[in-house]
Every structure is written in C-alpha cells, then in structure tokens.
N, C-alpha and C. Protein backbone atom coordinates (compact mmCIF):
# COMPACT_ATOMS: atom_id res chain seq x y z
N UNK A 1 297.38 -81.98 160.92
CA UNK A 1 296.19 -81.88 161.73
C UNK A 1 296.30 -80.71 162.71
N UNK A 2 297.45 -80.57 163.35
CA UNK A 2 297.66 -79.48 164.30
C UNK A 2 297.57 -78.14 163.57
N UNK A 3 298.11 -78.12 162.38
CA UNK A 3 298.05 -76.91 161.56
C UNK A 3 296.59 -76.50 161.33
N UNK A 4 295.73 -77.44 161.00
CA UNK A 4 294.30 -77.18 160.76
C UNK A 4 293.63 -76.63 162.03
N UNK A 5 293.93 -77.18 163.16
CA UNK A 5 293.34 -76.73 164.43
C UNK A 5 293.79 -75.31 164.75
N UNK A 6 295.08 -75.03 164.55
CA UNK A 6 295.62 -73.70 164.84
C UNK A 6 294.99 -72.67 163.91
N UNK A 7 294.89 -72.99 162.63
CA UNK A 7 294.30 -72.06 161.66
C UNK A 7 292.82 -71.83 161.98
N UNK A 8 292.11 -72.88 162.33
CA UNK A 8 290.69 -72.76 162.67
C UNK A 8 290.52 -71.89 163.93
N UNK A 9 291.33 -72.13 164.93
CA UNK A 9 291.26 -71.31 166.15
C UNK A 9 291.62 -69.85 165.86
N UNK A 10 292.61 -69.66 165.01
CA UNK A 10 292.99 -68.30 164.64
C UNK A 10 291.85 -67.61 163.90
N UNK A 11 291.20 -68.33 163.01
CA UNK A 11 290.06 -67.77 162.27
C UNK A 11 288.92 -67.42 163.23
N UNK A 12 288.61 -68.32 164.15
CA UNK A 12 287.55 -68.08 165.13
C UNK A 12 287.91 -66.87 166.01
N UNK A 13 289.16 -66.75 166.37
CA UNK A 13 289.62 -65.62 167.19
C UNK A 13 289.46 -64.31 166.43
N UNK A 14 289.84 -64.30 165.14
CA UNK A 14 289.70 -63.09 164.32
C UNK A 14 288.23 -62.69 164.16
N UNK A 15 287.37 -63.67 163.97
CA UNK A 15 285.93 -63.38 163.86
C UNK A 15 285.41 -62.80 165.17
N UNK A 16 285.83 -63.38 166.28
CA UNK A 16 285.41 -62.88 167.60
C UNK A 16 285.92 -61.46 167.86
N UNK A 17 287.15 -61.17 167.47
CA UNK A 17 287.70 -59.83 167.62
C UNK A 17 286.91 -58.84 166.76
N UNK A 18 286.62 -59.24 165.53
CA UNK A 18 285.83 -58.39 164.64
C UNK A 18 284.46 -58.10 165.26
N UNK A 19 283.81 -59.13 165.77
CA UNK A 19 282.50 -58.95 166.39
C UNK A 19 282.58 -58.07 167.63
N UNK A 20 283.64 -58.22 168.42
CA UNK A 20 283.81 -57.41 169.63
C UNK A 20 283.98 -55.94 169.26
N UNK A 21 284.77 -55.67 168.21
CA UNK A 21 284.96 -54.29 167.76
C UNK A 21 283.64 -53.70 167.28
N UNK A 22 282.89 -54.45 166.50
CA UNK A 22 281.59 -53.97 166.00
C UNK A 22 280.61 -53.71 167.15
N UNK A 23 280.63 -54.57 168.15
CA UNK A 23 279.75 -54.40 169.31
C UNK A 23 280.15 -53.14 170.09
N UNK A 24 281.45 -52.89 170.24
CA UNK A 24 281.90 -51.68 170.92
C UNK A 24 281.49 -50.43 170.14
N UNK A 25 281.62 -50.48 168.80
CA UNK A 25 281.20 -49.34 167.98
C UNK A 25 279.69 -49.10 168.12
N UNK A 26 278.94 -50.16 168.11
CA UNK A 26 277.49 -50.04 168.26
C UNK A 26 277.15 -49.49 169.64
N UNK A 27 277.86 -49.92 170.67
CA UNK A 27 277.63 -49.43 172.03
C UNK A 27 277.89 -47.92 172.11
N UNK A 28 278.99 -47.47 171.50
CA UNK A 28 279.31 -46.04 171.49
C UNK A 28 278.24 -45.25 170.76
N UNK A 29 277.82 -45.78 169.63
CA UNK A 29 276.78 -45.09 168.85
C UNK A 29 275.46 -45.02 169.63
N UNK A 30 275.12 -46.10 170.31
CA UNK A 30 273.89 -46.11 171.12
C UNK A 30 273.99 -45.12 172.28
N UNK A 31 275.16 -45.00 172.89
CA UNK A 31 275.35 -44.04 173.98
C UNK A 31 275.17 -42.61 173.47
N UNK A 32 275.75 -42.31 172.30
CA UNK A 32 275.61 -40.97 171.72
C UNK A 32 274.15 -40.68 171.41
N UNK A 33 273.48 -41.66 170.82
CA UNK A 33 272.06 -41.49 170.48
C UNK A 33 271.22 -41.29 171.74
N UNK A 34 271.51 -42.06 172.77
CA UNK A 34 270.79 -41.94 174.03
C UNK A 34 271.00 -40.56 174.64
N UNK A 35 272.22 -40.07 174.65
CA UNK A 35 272.50 -38.74 175.20
C UNK A 35 271.78 -37.65 174.40
N UNK A 36 271.77 -37.79 173.08
CA UNK A 36 271.08 -36.82 172.24
C UNK A 36 269.58 -36.83 172.54
N UNK A 37 269.00 -38.01 172.66
CA UNK A 37 267.57 -38.11 172.95
C UNK A 37 267.24 -37.55 174.34
N UNK A 38 268.13 -37.76 175.30
CA UNK A 38 267.91 -37.22 176.64
C UNK A 38 267.93 -35.69 176.60
N UNK A 39 268.89 -35.12 175.87
CA UNK A 39 268.96 -33.66 175.74
C UNK A 39 267.70 -33.11 175.07
N UNK A 40 267.25 -33.79 174.02
CA UNK A 40 266.03 -33.36 173.33
C UNK A 40 264.82 -33.43 174.27
N UNK A 41 264.73 -34.51 175.03
CA UNK A 41 263.61 -34.67 175.96
C UNK A 41 263.62 -33.57 177.01
N UNK A 42 264.79 -33.20 177.51
CA UNK A 42 264.88 -32.12 178.51
C UNK A 42 264.43 -30.79 177.92
N UNK A 43 264.85 -30.52 176.68
CA UNK A 43 264.46 -29.26 176.05
C UNK A 43 262.96 -29.22 175.79
N UNK A 44 262.43 -30.32 175.29
CA UNK A 44 261.00 -30.39 175.02
C UNK A 44 260.21 -30.26 176.32
N UNK A 45 260.69 -30.89 177.38
CA UNK A 45 260.02 -30.80 178.66
C UNK A 45 260.01 -29.36 179.16
N UNK A 46 261.14 -28.67 179.03
CA UNK A 46 261.21 -27.29 179.50
C UNK A 46 260.26 -26.39 178.72
N UNK A 47 260.07 -26.67 177.44
CA UNK A 47 259.15 -25.87 176.63
C UNK A 47 257.70 -26.22 176.94
N UNK A 48 257.40 -27.51 177.00
CA UNK A 48 256.02 -27.94 177.18
C UNK A 48 255.54 -27.83 178.62
N UNK A 49 256.44 -27.70 179.57
CA UNK A 49 256.00 -27.56 180.96
C UNK A 49 255.24 -26.26 181.17
N UNK A 50 255.49 -25.28 180.33
CA UNK A 50 254.79 -23.99 180.42
C UNK A 50 253.47 -23.99 179.65
N UNK A 51 253.24 -25.02 178.86
CA UNK A 51 252.06 -25.04 177.99
C UNK A 51 250.74 -24.93 178.75
N UNK A 52 250.53 -25.63 179.87
CA UNK A 52 249.24 -25.50 180.55
C UNK A 52 248.91 -24.07 180.96
N UNK A 53 249.93 -23.28 181.29
CA UNK A 53 249.69 -21.89 181.66
C UNK A 53 249.09 -21.10 180.52
N UNK A 54 249.38 -21.49 179.28
CA UNK A 54 248.86 -20.77 178.13
C UNK A 54 247.60 -21.43 177.58
N UNK A 55 247.47 -22.71 177.77
CA UNK A 55 246.32 -23.43 177.20
C UNK A 55 245.05 -23.17 178.01
N UNK A 56 245.15 -23.19 179.34
CA UNK A 56 243.97 -23.03 180.18
C UNK A 56 243.26 -21.69 179.96
N UNK A 57 243.96 -20.55 179.93
CA UNK A 57 243.24 -19.30 179.64
C UNK A 57 242.62 -19.30 178.24
N UNK A 58 243.31 -19.92 177.30
CA UNK A 58 242.75 -20.00 175.95
C UNK A 58 241.47 -20.81 175.93
N UNK A 59 241.43 -21.89 176.69
CA UNK A 59 240.22 -22.70 176.76
C UNK A 59 239.08 -21.91 177.38
N UNK A 60 239.38 -21.14 178.42
CA UNK A 60 238.35 -20.31 179.05
C UNK A 60 237.82 -19.28 178.07
N UNK A 61 238.72 -18.67 177.30
CA UNK A 61 238.28 -17.69 176.30
C UNK A 61 237.41 -18.34 175.24
N UNK A 62 237.76 -19.54 174.84
CA UNK A 62 236.97 -20.25 173.84
C UNK A 62 235.58 -20.56 174.39
N UNK A 63 235.50 -20.96 175.66
CA UNK A 63 234.20 -21.22 176.27
C UNK A 63 233.35 -19.95 176.30
N UNK A 64 234.00 -18.83 176.65
CA UNK A 64 233.26 -17.56 176.65
C UNK A 64 232.78 -17.20 175.25
N UNK A 65 233.61 -17.42 174.25
CA UNK A 65 233.21 -17.14 172.87
C UNK A 65 232.05 -18.03 172.44
N UNK A 66 232.08 -19.29 172.83
CA UNK A 66 230.98 -20.19 172.48
C UNK A 66 229.67 -19.73 173.11
N UNK A 67 229.74 -19.34 174.37
CA UNK A 67 228.53 -18.86 175.03
C UNK A 67 228.00 -17.61 174.35
N UNK A 68 228.90 -16.70 174.01
CA UNK A 68 228.50 -15.48 173.30
C UNK A 68 227.90 -15.80 171.94
N UNK A 69 228.48 -16.76 171.27
CA UNK A 69 227.98 -17.16 169.95
C UNK A 69 226.59 -17.77 170.06
N UNK A 70 226.38 -18.57 171.10
CA UNK A 70 225.04 -19.16 171.29
C UNK A 70 224.01 -18.07 171.55
N UNK A 71 224.38 -17.06 172.34
CA UNK A 71 223.46 -15.95 172.58
C UNK A 71 223.16 -15.21 171.28
N UNK A 72 224.17 -15.00 170.48
CA UNK A 72 223.97 -14.33 169.19
C UNK A 72 223.07 -15.15 168.28
N UNK A 73 223.22 -16.46 168.31
CA UNK A 73 222.36 -17.31 167.49
C UNK A 73 220.90 -17.19 167.94
N UNK A 74 220.68 -17.18 169.25
CA UNK A 74 219.32 -17.01 169.76
C UNK A 74 218.74 -15.65 169.34
N UNK A 75 219.56 -14.62 169.46
CA UNK A 75 219.10 -13.28 169.07
C UNK A 75 218.79 -13.24 167.58
N UNK A 76 219.63 -13.87 166.78
CA UNK A 76 219.40 -13.92 165.34
C UNK A 76 218.11 -14.66 165.02
N UNK A 77 217.85 -15.74 165.72
CA UNK A 77 216.62 -16.49 165.51
C UNK A 77 215.41 -15.63 165.87
N UNK A 78 215.50 -14.89 166.96
CA UNK A 78 214.39 -14.03 167.35
C UNK A 78 214.19 -12.91 166.33
N UNK A 79 215.28 -12.34 165.84
CA UNK A 79 215.17 -11.28 164.83
C UNK A 79 214.55 -11.82 163.55
N UNK A 80 214.92 -13.02 163.14
CA UNK A 80 214.33 -13.62 161.95
C UNK A 80 212.83 -13.85 162.15
N UNK A 81 212.47 -14.33 163.34
CA UNK A 81 211.05 -14.53 163.61
C UNK A 81 210.30 -13.20 163.59
N UNK A 82 210.91 -12.17 164.15
CA UNK A 82 210.29 -10.85 164.16
C UNK A 82 210.14 -10.31 162.74
N UNK A 83 211.19 -10.46 161.92
CA UNK A 83 211.11 -10.01 160.54
C UNK A 83 210.06 -10.79 159.75
N UNK A 84 209.97 -12.09 160.03
CA UNK A 84 208.95 -12.89 159.37
C UNK A 84 207.56 -12.41 159.76
N UNK A 85 207.39 -12.13 161.06
CA UNK A 85 206.11 -11.64 161.55
C UNK A 85 205.78 -10.29 160.95
N UNK A 86 206.75 -9.38 160.88
CA UNK A 86 206.52 -8.07 160.26
C UNK A 86 206.19 -8.22 158.79
N UNK A 87 206.85 -9.13 158.12
CA UNK A 87 206.57 -9.39 156.71
C UNK A 87 205.16 -9.90 156.54
N UNK A 88 204.74 -10.77 157.41
CA UNK A 88 203.39 -11.33 157.37
C UNK A 88 202.35 -10.24 157.62
N UNK A 89 202.61 -9.40 158.62
CA UNK A 89 201.70 -8.29 158.92
C UNK A 89 201.62 -7.34 157.73
N UNK A 90 202.75 -7.07 157.12
CA UNK A 90 202.78 -6.13 155.96
C UNK A 90 201.98 -6.71 154.81
N UNK A 91 202.12 -8.02 154.53
CA UNK A 91 201.38 -8.65 153.44
C UNK A 91 199.86 -8.61 153.68
N UNK A 92 199.47 -8.98 154.90
CA UNK A 92 198.03 -8.97 155.21
C UNK A 92 197.50 -7.52 155.27
N UNK A 93 198.36 -6.62 155.70
CA UNK A 93 197.94 -5.21 155.78
C UNK A 93 197.72 -4.62 154.40
N UNK A 94 198.51 -5.00 153.43
CA UNK A 94 198.34 -4.50 152.04
C UNK A 94 197.09 -5.05 151.42
N UNK A 95 196.75 -6.27 151.73
CA UNK A 95 195.55 -6.88 151.16
C UNK A 95 194.28 -6.28 151.77
N UNK A 96 194.40 -5.84 153.02
CA UNK A 96 193.22 -5.29 153.68
C UNK A 96 192.86 -3.93 153.11
N UNK A 97 193.82 -3.18 152.64
CA UNK A 97 193.53 -1.84 152.12
C UNK A 97 193.37 -1.89 150.67
C-alpha cells in the first residue's frame, strides 16, 4: 500500500514538474512575442505619426480639384447648350433660305 502511495505521489510530482516547465516555456515565448509586438508598435507609431502632415495637404488639394472639376462641368454644360443653340439656329437658317 505504501508503495502505491509513493508511486502515485511520484507520478503526480512528475506531471506537475512537466506542467511547470511547459508553463515557463510558454511564459518566455509570450514575453518574446510581447516585446516583438511592442517594437513593431513603436515603429508603426513613428511612421504613422507623420501621416497627418501629408494627408491634410492632400485633402486640401483634392477639394480644390473637385471645385475646379465642378466649374469645368458647368462650363461644359454651357458650351453644350451653346452648341445646341447654334445647331438649332443653323438648321432654321438653312430652311429659311
């Protein structure tokens, strides 16, 4: 009976040691992963912190381009109306003579 208790305790101890080693390995791996992610976050932050300086002027330029495009569309519409009117005058003028 004592032999069974000793063997069982020894088995439980070995399982606990195995689990402790695996937990320590996992802890080390998590620390390495955490450090790597922190380094990546710092690099990304340093790159993206400058982004607003480049994005804002680009947005202003896009707004200016949109306004210019709208003006061009209005001018194109007026030119089309003028050409249509000239075409109409030319057609009626040919029929009159």
